[in-house]
Amino acid sequence: MARPTSAADAAGLGRGRAVAFVLPALVLIAVFLIFPALWTVYLGLTDYRLTGLAAADPAFVGLGNYTAALRDPRFLSSLWLTLLYVGGSAIIGQAGLGFALAWILRTRAGPVRRVVEGVVLLSWILPGTVVGFLWFALLDRDDGTLNALLHTPGFAWLLDYPLLSIIVFNVWRGTAFSMMLYSAALENVPPSHLETARLAGAGVWQQLRDVVLPAIRRHILTNLLLISLWTFNDFTPFVLTGGGPEGRSEILPVYVYRVALRDGQLGVGAAISFLILLINLLFALAYLRLLRGRRREREIAAAGGPPA
């Protein structure tokens, strides 16, 4: 019986044809991901600008852009606002409201469930810019729908509460993803476990704490990771507030836009973008560490406990 050659793969294509199939995807990844990333790192080490002499002949400044950004009070303020924005709208708002909707709707059937799911999904599938302008019309101080409903003409929601406005806006816009993920996760929780807990006298909170949340912990961490990264890099609030007033809603993506494009400092903007990438990596590593810790606990439990 002939032995398969090393050039044959599982599909039987052979190495040459397998490379030919993968090559277009690798080229696209290199052109649209790897090259821009390397170019951003290079720009962050120069004083490159949109106009002037630095645009024609940028000078190498090393880590100067990074130290300047870290010493800039406006960058630190934008970082703090971004953390508040992520914590309020993603971790607390989207994840919390998404789980609440999934938990309430899990036993519901009929038109009520379909209507609620449809409304929530509609807010998610609409383009971000369209949703931003809809919310601008809702919160406008002169002709806003909210002021008309509350009989508070002239109340400037976007000027008096800019950060809270974009947090509520992002919660409304992004809750659907968390709701769908948690709905799928709750389907995997055995009903017999909940019934046993109920017969043992456990209340709703005890069932959630002792049965449901441990069973869907991996789904919770995955959801928190994804929505945190998406929210951290979200530029849509610019449509509502433009980062104002006086920088009170200038989250990091808006700050990068102002520095790189409005002020023309592409080198500084590239350096800040790389810092944002590092922060995203820290988020991801923290969540992955939690996931690994949970997996290790299960392996120890399956082996009968820690070794003596």
Protein backbone atom coordinates (compact mmCIF):
# COMPACT_ATOMS: atom_id res chain seq x y z
CA MET A 1 0.00 0.00 0.00
CA ALA A 2 1.46 3.35 -1.05
CA ARG A 3 2.12 5.82 1.73
CA PRO A 4 0.85 9.38 1.24
CA THR A 5 3.50 11.89 0.32
CA SER A 6 4.29 14.82 2.57
CA ALA A 7 2.94 17.17 -0.10
CA ALA A 8 -0.58 15.73 0.25
CA ASP A 9 -2.94 17.39 2.70
CA ALA A 10 -6.18 16.15 4.27
CA ALA A 11 -8.24 17.30 1.27
CA GLY A 12 -5.88 15.65 -1.19
CA LEU A 13 -5.07 18.89 -2.98
CA GLY A 14 -1.33 18.76 -2.67
CA ARG A 15 0.88 21.50 -1.30
CA GLY A 16 0.97 23.59 -4.47
CA ARG A 17 -2.78 23.79 -4.97
CA ALA A 18 -3.37 24.30 -1.23
CA VAL A 19 -1.00 27.29 -1.26
CA ALA A 20 -2.76 28.62 -4.37
CA PHE A 21 -6.10 28.54 -2.54
CA VAL A 22 -4.74 30.28 0.57
CA LEU A 23 -2.55 32.83 -1.23
CA PRO A 24 -5.32 35.36 -2.13
CA ALA A 25 -6.44 35.51 1.49
CA LEU A 26 -2.84 35.96 2.67
CA VAL A 27 -2.33 38.77 0.17
CA LEU A 28 -5.47 40.57 1.38
CA ILE A 29 -4.39 40.16 5.01
CA ALA A 30 -0.93 41.51 4.20
CA VAL A 31 -2.25 44.49 2.22
CA PHE A 32 -5.13 45.53 4.48
CA LEU A 33 -3.90 44.44 7.94
CA ILE A 34 -0.18 43.80 8.24
CA PHE A 35 1.08 46.67 6.06
CA PRO A 36 -1.20 49.33 7.65
CA ALA A 37 -0.17 48.13 11.11
CA LEU A 38 3.54 48.37 10.29
CA TRP A 39 3.01 51.73 8.58
CA THR A 40 1.24 53.03 11.70
CA VAL A 41 4.15 51.93 13.88
CA TYR A 42 6.56 53.72 11.53
CA LEU A 43 4.49 56.94 11.48
CA GLY A 44 4.35 56.90 15.29
CA LEU A 45 8.14 57.21 15.35
CA THR A 46 8.20 60.30 13.11
CA ASP A 47 6.86 63.86 13.16
CA TYR A 48 4.80 63.24 10.02
CA ARG A 49 2.11 65.84 9.35
CA LEU A 50 -0.62 66.32 6.77
CA THR A 51 0.87 69.58 5.50
CA GLY A 52 4.12 71.55 5.68
CA LEU A 53 7.75 70.47 5.58
CA ALA A 54 7.13 67.51 7.90
CA ALA A 55 4.73 66.08 5.30
CA ALA A 56 7.40 66.14 2.59
CA ASP A 57 10.36 65.15 4.74
CA PRO A 58 9.33 63.69 8.12
CA ALA A 59 12.02 63.41 10.78
CA PHE A 60 12.59 60.44 13.07
CA VAL A 61 11.65 61.34 16.66
CA GLY A 62 11.79 57.89 18.28
CA LEU A 63 9.51 57.60 21.29
CA GLY A 64 8.92 61.35 21.45
CA ASN A 65 5.32 61.08 20.25
CA TYR A 66 4.55 58.45 22.88
CA THR A 67 6.02 60.44 25.76
CA ALA A 68 4.25 63.59 24.54
CA ALA A 69 0.92 61.76 24.40
CA LEU A 70 1.33 60.22 27.85
CA ARG A 71 2.12 63.67 29.29
CA ASP A 72 -0.79 65.35 27.53
CA PRO A 73 -3.61 66.02 30.04
CA ARG A 74 -6.14 65.79 27.22
CA PHE A 75 -4.99 62.27 26.34
CA LEU A 76 -5.28 61.17 29.97
CA SER A 77 -8.71 62.78 30.19
CA SER A 78 -9.81 60.98 27.00
CA LEU A 79 -8.50 57.68 28.37
CA TRP A 80 -10.49 58.15 31.58
CA LEU A 81 -13.64 59.10 29.65
CA THR A 82 -13.17 56.04 27.43
CA LEU A 83 -12.92 53.73 30.44
CA LEU A 84 -16.10 55.27 31.86
CA TYR A 85 -17.76 54.89 28.47
CA VAL A 86 -16.75 51.22 28.19
CA GLY A 87 -17.68 50.42 31.79
CA GLY A 88 -21.02 52.22 31.69
CA SER A 89 -22.28 51.34 28.23
CA ALA A 90 -20.69 47.93 27.55
CA ILE A 91 -19.86 46.11 30.78
CA ILE A 92 -22.81 47.41 32.83
CA GLY A 93 -25.31 48.56 30.22
CA GLN A 94 -25.15 46.19 27.26
CA ALA A 95 -24.12 43.10 29.20
CA GLY A 96 -26.55 43.73 32.06
CA LEU A 97 -29.55 44.71 29.95
CA GLY A 98 -28.79 42.00 27.39
CA PHE A 99 -28.77 39.31 30.09
CA ALA A 100 -31.93 40.70 31.70
CA LEU A 101 -33.80 40.57 28.38
CA ALA A 102 -32.50 37.07 27.62
CA TRP A 103 -33.50 35.83 31.08
CA ILE A 104 -36.99 37.37 30.92
CA LEU A 105 -37.68 36.22 27.36
CA ARG A 106 -36.34 32.67 27.79
CA THR A 107 -39.75 31.35 28.91
CA ARG A 108 -41.86 33.73 26.83
CA ALA A 109 -43.38 32.78 23.50
CA GLY A 110 -45.65 34.36 20.98
CA PRO A 111 -45.86 37.91 19.65
CA VAL A 112 -44.47 39.67 22.76
CA ARG A 113 -41.11 37.91 22.45
CA ARG A 114 -40.95 38.44 18.69
CA VAL A 115 -41.74 42.16 19.01
CA VAL A 116 -39.15 42.75 21.74
CA GLU A 117 -36.46 40.81 19.87
CA GLY A 118 -37.33 42.62 16.64
CA VAL A 119 -37.06 46.08 18.20
CA VAL A 120 -33.76 45.25 19.91
CA LEU A 121 -32.30 43.69 16.76
CA LEU A 122 -33.42 46.64 14.64
CA SER A 123 -31.38 49.02 16.77
CA TRP A 124 -28.33 46.81 16.20
CA ILE A 125 -28.53 46.27 12.45
CA LEU A 126 -29.11 49.93 11.58
CA PRO A 127 -25.92 51.73 10.45
CA GLY A 128 -24.21 53.55 13.30
CA THR A 129 -24.35 56.93 11.57
CA VAL A 130 -28.09 56.59 10.97
CA VAL A 131 -28.65 55.69 14.62
CA GLY A 132 -26.47 58.62 15.69
CA PHE A 133 -28.55 61.13 13.74
CA LEU A 134 -31.77 59.57 15.05
CA TRP A 135 -30.56 60.07 18.60
CA PHE A 136 -29.45 63.60 17.77
CA ALA A 137 -33.02 64.30 16.67
CA LEU A 138 -34.28 62.69 19.88
CA LEU A 139 -32.04 64.77 22.18
CA ASP A 140 -31.97 68.06 20.26
CA ARG A 141 -32.55 71.03 22.55
CA ASP A 142 -34.84 72.93 20.17
CA ASP A 143 -36.96 70.37 18.34
CA GLY A 144 -35.96 67.14 20.11
CA THR A 145 -38.52 64.39 20.59
CA LEU A 146 -37.51 63.77 24.21
CA ASN A 147 -38.06 67.40 25.22
CA ALA A 148 -41.44 67.32 23.50
CA LEU A 149 -42.45 64.21 25.45
CA LEU A 150 -41.18 65.54 28.79
CA HIS A 151 -42.44 69.10 28.17
CA THR A 152 -38.94 70.48 28.80
CA PRO A 153 -38.33 72.78 25.81
CA GLY A 154 -34.79 74.04 25.45
CA PHE A 155 -33.18 71.46 27.76
CA ALA A 156 -29.75 70.67 26.29
CA TRP A 157 -29.17 66.98 27.01
CA LEU A 158 -26.08 66.75 24.80
CA LEU A 159 -24.52 69.84 26.39
CA ASP A 160 -25.41 69.23 30.04
CA TYR A 161 -24.98 65.44 30.09
CA PRO A 162 -22.74 64.56 27.11
CA LEU A 163 -21.07 61.44 28.55
CA LEU A 164 -24.32 60.06 29.95
CA SER A 165 -26.00 60.70 26.60
CA ILE A 166 -23.48 58.69 24.60
CA ILE A 167 -23.52 55.91 27.22
CA VAL A 168 -27.31 55.52 26.97
CA PHE A 169 -27.05 55.78 23.19
CA ASN A 170 -24.51 52.95 23.01
CA VAL A 171 -26.49 50.77 25.43
CA TRP A 172 -29.57 51.10 23.21
CA ARG A 173 -27.53 50.47 20.08
CA GLY A 174 -25.50 47.44 21.20
CA THR A 175 -27.68 45.45 23.63
CA ALA A 176 -28.91 43.10 20.89
CA PHE A 177 -25.60 41.25 20.57
CA SER A 178 -25.44 40.49 24.30
CA MET A 179 -29.09 39.46 24.35
CA MET A 180 -28.62 36.99 21.48
CA LEU A 181 -25.43 35.51 22.94
CA TYR A 182 -26.97 35.09 26.40
CA SER A 183 -30.16 33.63 24.91
CA ALA A 184 -28.12 30.95 23.19
CA ALA A 185 -26.13 30.33 26.39
CA LEU A 186 -29.26 29.97 28.53
CA GLU A 187 -30.59 27.34 26.13
CA ASN A 188 -27.67 25.14 27.21
CA VAL A 189 -28.48 25.36 30.93
CA PRO A 190 -30.26 22.05 31.82
CA PRO A 191 -33.81 22.81 33.02
CA SER A 192 -33.45 19.95 35.50
CA HIS A 193 -30.74 21.90 37.34
CA LEU A 194 -33.03 24.91 37.75
CA GLU A 195 -35.91 22.68 38.79
CA THR A 196 -33.73 20.95 41.40
CA ALA A 197 -32.62 24.30 42.78
CA ARG A 198 -36.23 25.49 42.85
CA LEU A 199 -37.35 22.38 44.74
CA ALA A 200 -34.51 22.91 47.22
CA GLY A 201 -36.01 26.31 48.02
CA ALA A 202 -33.66 28.51 46.02
CA GLY A 203 -35.02 31.86 44.93
CA VAL A 204 -34.45 33.50 41.56
CA TRP A 205 -31.26 35.25 42.70
CA GLN A 206 -29.88 32.03 44.20
CA GLN A 207 -30.64 30.14 40.99
CA LEU A 208 -28.79 32.78 39.01
CA ARG A 209 -25.82 32.86 41.37
CA ASP A 210 -25.39 29.14 41.97
CA VAL A 211 -26.65 27.52 38.75
CA VAL A 212 -26.99 29.85 35.77
CA LEU A 213 -23.99 32.18 36.04
CA PRO A 214 -21.41 29.40 36.67
CA ALA A 215 -22.84 27.44 33.74
CA ILE A 216 -22.52 30.33 31.27
CA ARG A 217 -19.37 31.93 32.64
CA ARG A 218 -17.40 31.36 29.43
CA HIS A 219 -20.17 33.01 27.41
CA ILE A 220 -20.18 35.97 29.78
CA LEU A 221 -16.43 36.48 29.51
CA THR A 222 -16.50 36.12 25.72
CA ASN A 223 -19.29 38.66 25.46
CA LEU A 224 -17.54 41.11 27.78
CA LEU A 225 -14.33 40.82 25.78
CA LEU A 226 -16.01 41.49 22.43
CA ILE A 227 -18.25 44.36 23.47
CA SER A 228 -15.43 45.98 25.49
CA LEU A 229 -13.12 46.00 22.47
CA TRP A 230 -15.86 47.22 20.14
CA THR A 231 -16.87 50.01 22.52
CA PHE A 232 -13.29 51.05 23.24
CA ASN A 233 -12.76 51.67 19.52
CA ASP A 234 -16.18 53.18 18.83
CA PHE A 235 -16.22 56.44 16.87
CA THR A 236 -20.01 56.79 16.46
CA PRO A 237 -20.49 59.11 19.50
CA PHE A 238 -18.73 61.77 17.42
CA VAL A 239 -21.98 62.09 15.45
CA LEU A 240 -23.82 63.10 18.64
CA THR A 241 -21.41 65.38 20.48
CA GLY A 242 -18.28 65.82 18.35
CA GLY A 243 -16.29 65.17 21.52
CA GLY A 244 -17.67 68.27 23.21
CA PRO A 245 -18.58 70.34 24.93
CA GLU A 246 -15.03 71.23 25.99
CA GLY A 247 -13.85 67.64 25.61
CA ARG A 248 -16.36 66.21 28.11
CA SER A 249 -17.25 63.36 25.71
CA GLU A 250 -13.96 63.15 23.80
CA ILE A 251 -13.24 59.44 24.00
CA LEU A 252 -9.98 58.10 22.55
CA PRO A 253 -11.13 57.41 18.96
CA VAL A 254 -12.47 60.97 18.75
CA TYR A 255 -9.25 62.29 20.30
CA VAL A 256 -7.17 60.45 17.67
CA TYR A 257 -9.34 61.95 14.92
CA ARG A 258 -8.83 65.44 16.29
CA VAL A 259 -5.07 65.09 16.68
CA ALA A 260 -4.34 63.22 13.44
CA LEU A 261 -6.80 64.75 10.98
CA ARG A 262 -8.08 68.02 12.40
CA ASP A 263 -4.71 69.15 13.80
CA GLY A 264 -2.73 67.37 11.06
CA GLN A 265 -0.33 65.55 13.45
CA LEU A 266 -0.35 62.13 11.83
CA GLY A 267 2.77 60.99 13.69
CA VAL A 268 1.24 61.74 17.09
CA GLY A 269 -2.09 60.23 16.00
CA ALA A 270 -0.33 57.03 14.90
CA ALA A 271 1.46 56.79 18.25
CA ILE A 272 -1.83 57.19 20.12
CA SER A 273 -3.42 54.55 17.89
CA PHE A 274 -0.64 52.13 18.82
CA LEU A 275 -1.22 52.90 22.50
CA ILE A 276 -4.91 52.09 21.99
CA LEU A 277 -3.87 48.77 20.43
CA LEU A 278 -1.75 47.97 23.49
CA ILE A 279 -4.68 48.78 25.80
CA ASN A 280 -6.92 46.49 23.74
CA LEU A 281 -4.33 43.73 24.08
CA LEU A 282 -4.34 44.19 27.86
CA PHE A 283 -8.13 43.83 27.85
CA ALA A 284 -7.89 40.65 25.80
CA LEU A 285 -5.12 39.15 27.93
CA ALA A 286 -7.07 39.83 31.13
CA TYR A 287 -10.17 38.08 29.82
CA LEU A 288 -8.15 35.15 28.43
CA ARG A 289 -6.46 34.74 31.80
CA LEU A 290 -9.87 34.50 33.46
CA LEU A 291 -10.96 31.90 30.90
CA ARG A 292 -7.83 29.83 31.46
CA GLY A 293 -8.29 30.02 35.21
CA ARG A 294 -11.81 28.65 34.88
CA ARG A 295 -10.62 25.85 32.57
CA ARG A 296 -7.87 24.90 35.05
CA GLU A 297 -10.42 24.76 37.88
CA ARG A 298 -12.57 22.36 35.87
CA GLU A 299 -9.60 20.15 35.05
CA ILE A 300 -8.62 19.98 38.72
CA ALA A 301 -12.21 19.18 39.71
CA ALA A 302 -12.42 16.45 37.05
CA ALA A 303 -9.15 14.92 38.31
CA GLY A 304 -10.54 14.66 41.83
CA GLY A 305 -9.06 17.75 43.40
CA PRO A 306 -5.57 19.22 43.76
CA PRO A 307 -2.69 16.86 44.19
CA ALA A 308 -1.60 16.14 47.75
